[in-house]
N, C-alpha and C. Protein backbone atom coordinates (compact mmCIF):
# COMPACT_ATOMS: atom_id res chain seq x y z
N MET A 1 0.77 -1.21 -0.01
CA MET A 1 0.03 -0.08 0.00
C MET A 1 0.81 1.27 0.01
N GLN A 2 0.41 2.26 -0.71
CA GLN A 2 1.01 3.53 -0.64
C GLN A 2 0.13 4.46 0.09
N THR A 3 0.69 5.32 0.98
CA THR A 3 -0.14 6.22 1.78
C THR A 3 0.31 7.64 1.32
N PHE A 4 -0.63 8.47 1.04
CA PHE A 4 -0.38 9.89 0.78
C PHE A 4 -1.49 10.85 1.30
N PHE A 5 -1.12 12.08 1.45
CA PHE A 5 -2.12 13.09 1.84
C PHE A 5 -2.12 14.09 0.79
N VAL A 6 -3.37 14.71 0.78
CA VAL A 6 -3.54 15.82 -0.30
C VAL A 6 -4.20 16.93 0.49
N GLU A 7 -3.52 18.12 0.46
CA GLU A 7 -4.01 19.39 1.01
C GLU A 7 -4.84 19.92 -0.21
N ILE A 8 -6.07 20.41 0.13
CA ILE A 8 -6.92 20.91 -0.93
C ILE A 8 -7.38 22.33 -0.58
N LYS A 9 -7.21 23.22 -1.55
CA LYS A 9 -7.63 24.60 -1.52
C LYS A 9 -8.96 24.66 -2.18
N CYS A 10 -10.08 25.13 -1.62
CA CYS A 10 -11.33 25.16 -2.20
C CYS A 10 -11.66 26.66 -2.53
N ALA A 11 -12.62 26.74 -3.54
CA ALA A 11 -13.08 28.01 -3.89
C ALA A 11 -13.92 28.52 -2.64
N LEU A 12 -13.97 29.82 -2.51
CA LEU A 12 -14.65 30.32 -1.32
C LEU A 12 -16.07 29.89 -1.13
N GLY A 13 -16.31 29.49 0.07
CA GLY A 13 -17.62 28.98 0.41
C GLY A 13 -17.91 27.59 0.02
N ARG A 14 -16.97 26.83 -0.53
CA ARG A 14 -17.27 25.53 -1.14
C ARG A 14 -16.56 24.41 -0.41
N THR A 15 -16.00 24.65 0.82
CA THR A 15 -15.26 23.61 1.49
C THR A 15 -16.08 22.36 1.86
N TYR A 16 -17.24 22.71 2.41
CA TYR A 16 -18.20 21.57 2.78
C TYR A 16 -18.56 20.74 1.66
N GLU A 17 -18.86 21.44 0.54
CA GLU A 17 -19.30 20.82 -0.73
C GLU A 17 -18.25 19.83 -1.25
N VAL A 18 -17.01 20.32 -1.18
CA VAL A 18 -15.84 19.46 -1.72
C VAL A 18 -15.65 18.34 -0.75
N ALA A 19 -15.64 18.61 0.55
CA ALA A 19 -15.51 17.54 1.50
C ALA A 19 -16.56 16.50 1.38
N ASN A 20 -17.81 16.80 1.16
CA ASN A 20 -18.90 15.92 0.97
C ASN A 20 -18.65 15.10 -0.30
N ALA A 21 -18.22 15.82 -1.35
CA ALA A 21 -17.99 15.05 -2.64
C ALA A 21 -16.86 14.12 -2.51
N LEU A 22 -15.88 14.41 -1.75
CA LEU A 22 -14.76 13.40 -1.52
C LEU A 22 -15.30 12.27 -0.64
N ALA A 23 -16.26 12.51 0.28
CA ALA A 23 -16.72 11.41 1.15
C ALA A 23 -17.61 10.50 0.28
N GLN A 24 -18.48 11.10 -0.59
CA GLN A 24 -19.41 10.35 -1.39
C GLN A 24 -18.53 9.49 -2.40
N ALA A 25 -17.48 10.03 -2.85
CA ALA A 25 -16.66 9.22 -3.86
C ALA A 25 -15.97 7.99 -3.18
N GLU A 26 -15.91 8.01 -1.86
CA GLU A 26 -15.30 6.93 -1.09
C GLU A 26 -13.87 6.60 -1.57
N ILE A 27 -13.11 7.58 -1.81
CA ILE A 27 -11.74 7.43 -2.27
C ILE A 27 -10.69 7.73 -1.19
N ALA A 28 -11.03 8.62 -0.12
CA ALA A 28 -10.28 8.94 0.92
C ALA A 28 -10.58 8.19 2.17
N SER A 29 -9.55 7.88 2.96
CA SER A 29 -9.80 7.03 4.20
C SER A 29 -10.18 8.03 5.34
N GLU A 30 -9.57 9.32 5.28
CA GLU A 30 -9.89 10.37 6.33
C GLU A 30 -9.97 11.72 5.58
N ILE A 31 -10.92 12.57 6.05
CA ILE A 31 -10.92 13.91 5.46
C ILE A 31 -11.17 14.89 6.65
N TYR A 32 -10.23 15.91 6.79
CA TYR A 32 -10.30 16.90 7.81
C TYR A 32 -10.44 18.32 7.21
N SER A 33 -11.18 19.15 7.97
CA SER A 33 -11.06 20.57 7.63
C SER A 33 -9.76 21.11 8.37
N ILE A 34 -9.10 22.04 7.79
CA ILE A 34 -7.88 22.46 8.40
C ILE A 34 -7.80 24.08 8.24
N ALA A 35 -6.95 24.65 9.00
CA ALA A 35 -6.68 26.07 8.90
C ALA A 35 -5.39 26.25 8.20
N GLY A 36 -5.17 27.41 7.53
CA GLY A 36 -3.96 27.73 6.95
C GLY A 36 -4.14 28.03 5.45
N HIS A 37 -3.15 27.66 4.59
CA HIS A 37 -3.15 27.89 3.22
C HIS A 37 -4.15 26.97 2.44
N TYR A 38 -4.50 25.90 3.04
CA TYR A 38 -5.47 25.00 2.44
C TYR A 38 -6.67 24.77 3.43
N ASP A 39 -7.73 24.18 2.84
CA ASP A 39 -9.02 23.96 3.55
C ASP A 39 -9.28 22.70 4.01
N ILE A 40 -8.79 21.65 3.33
CA ILE A 40 -9.11 20.29 3.56
C ILE A 40 -7.77 19.51 3.57
N LEU A 41 -7.66 18.53 4.45
CA LEU A 41 -6.55 17.58 4.28
C LEU A 41 -7.18 16.15 4.23
N ALA A 42 -6.83 15.39 3.12
CA ALA A 42 -7.41 14.10 2.95
C ALA A 42 -6.29 13.10 2.88
N LYS A 43 -6.51 11.93 3.50
CA LYS A 43 -5.53 10.79 3.62
C LYS A 43 -6.10 9.65 2.68
N PHE A 44 -5.15 9.19 1.82
CA PHE A 44 -5.47 8.21 0.81
C PHE A 44 -4.53 7.00 1.01
N TYR A 45 -5.10 5.79 0.70
CA TYR A 45 -4.33 4.62 0.58
C TYR A 45 -4.72 4.04 -0.82
N VAL A 46 -3.57 3.68 -1.55
CA VAL A 46 -3.77 3.07 -2.84
C VAL A 46 -2.73 1.91 -2.98
N GLY A 47 -3.01 0.95 -3.90
CA GLY A 47 -2.12 -0.19 -4.05
C GLY A 47 -0.77 0.28 -4.56
N LYS A 48 0.16 -0.59 -4.42
CA LYS A 48 1.58 -0.27 -4.95
C LYS A 48 1.65 -0.08 -6.41
N ASP A 49 0.76 -0.64 -7.17
CA ASP A 49 0.75 -0.58 -8.55
C ASP A 49 -0.02 0.61 -9.04
N VAL A 50 -0.61 1.45 -8.28
CA VAL A 50 -1.34 2.57 -8.66
C VAL A 50 -0.40 3.85 -8.83
N ASP A 51 -0.52 4.64 -9.91
CA ASP A 51 0.15 5.80 -10.14
C ASP A 51 -0.47 6.99 -9.38
N ILE A 52 0.15 7.46 -8.37
CA ILE A 52 -0.49 8.52 -7.49
C ILE A 52 -0.85 9.73 -8.37
N GLY A 53 -0.08 10.09 -9.26
CA GLY A 53 -0.29 11.37 -10.09
C GLY A 53 -1.67 11.14 -10.90
N HIS A 54 -1.74 10.00 -11.55
CA HIS A 54 -3.03 9.67 -12.30
C HIS A 54 -4.24 9.59 -11.35
N PHE A 55 -4.01 8.98 -10.19
CA PHE A 55 -5.07 8.85 -9.27
C PHE A 55 -5.60 10.25 -8.84
N ILE A 56 -4.77 11.15 -8.53
CA ILE A 56 -5.08 12.51 -8.19
C ILE A 56 -5.76 13.26 -9.26
N GLY A 57 -5.19 13.05 -10.43
CA GLY A 57 -5.66 13.74 -11.59
C GLY A 57 -7.15 13.25 -11.97
N GLU A 58 -7.31 11.93 -11.84
CA GLU A 58 -8.57 11.32 -12.32
C GLU A 58 -9.65 11.23 -11.19
N LYS A 59 -9.26 11.26 -9.93
CA LYS A 59 -10.27 11.07 -8.82
C LYS A 59 -10.45 12.25 -7.94
N VAL A 60 -9.39 13.11 -7.88
CA VAL A 60 -9.49 14.24 -6.93
C VAL A 60 -9.71 15.62 -7.76
N HIS A 61 -8.89 15.78 -8.71
CA HIS A 61 -8.93 17.16 -9.36
C HIS A 61 -10.27 17.24 -10.16
N VAL A 62 -11.08 16.18 -10.46
CA VAL A 62 -12.32 16.25 -11.17
C VAL A 62 -13.43 16.82 -10.32
N ILE A 63 -13.17 16.92 -8.94
CA ILE A 63 -14.22 17.52 -7.96
C ILE A 63 -14.44 18.90 -8.13
N SER A 64 -15.61 19.34 -8.42
CA SER A 64 -15.95 20.79 -8.58
C SER A 64 -15.68 21.52 -7.35
N GLY A 65 -15.05 22.71 -7.45
CA GLY A 65 -14.80 23.52 -6.18
C GLY A 65 -13.38 23.53 -5.66
N ILE A 66 -12.62 22.56 -6.34
CA ILE A 66 -11.19 22.56 -5.92
C ILE A 66 -10.37 23.59 -6.77
N VAL A 67 -9.61 24.38 -6.04
CA VAL A 67 -8.85 25.35 -6.75
C VAL A 67 -7.34 24.89 -6.89
N ASP A 68 -6.83 24.31 -5.86
CA ASP A 68 -5.35 23.93 -5.81
C ASP A 68 -5.18 22.80 -4.90
N THR A 69 -4.18 21.92 -5.13
CA THR A 69 -3.83 20.77 -4.30
C THR A 69 -2.34 20.76 -4.02
N ARG A 70 -2.06 20.15 -3.00
CA ARG A 70 -0.62 19.84 -2.64
C ARG A 70 -0.52 18.38 -2.10
N THR A 71 0.30 17.60 -2.68
CA THR A 71 0.39 16.24 -2.36
C THR A 71 1.59 15.98 -1.49
N ILE A 72 1.38 15.14 -0.42
CA ILE A 72 2.41 14.74 0.54
C ILE A 72 2.48 13.24 0.55
N ILE A 73 3.54 12.73 0.09
CA ILE A 73 3.72 11.22 0.10
C ILE A 73 4.35 10.74 1.40
N ALA A 74 3.68 9.73 2.00
CA ALA A 74 4.30 9.19 3.32
C ALA A 74 5.03 7.98 3.03
N PHE A 75 6.14 7.81 3.84
CA PHE A 75 6.93 6.67 3.66
C PHE A 75 6.76 5.70 4.79
N LYS A 76 6.63 6.02 6.05
CA LYS A 76 6.45 5.08 7.11
C LYS A 76 5.66 5.65 8.21
N ALA A 77 4.79 4.96 8.84
CA ALA A 77 4.09 5.37 10.03
C ALA A 77 4.85 4.87 11.22
N PHE A 78 4.91 5.72 12.20
CA PHE A 78 5.52 5.34 13.46
C PHE A 78 4.51 5.12 14.67
């Protein structure tokens, strides 16, 4: 399994809409509202054979209301 996080910046007033769309798509294991430069932090698990770039482009970026993303790839949990 590959673990990664995506910080998501939403259009003004659309954070809950984007979070609900992520939840309905059932692609993220956890979704948090956050403060700072981004509005949402989502945690994802995908198989070793999955291309993370394609996954984000095809599953995350297609959600209406997303303005920008930043991906953080995790190596090991402690």
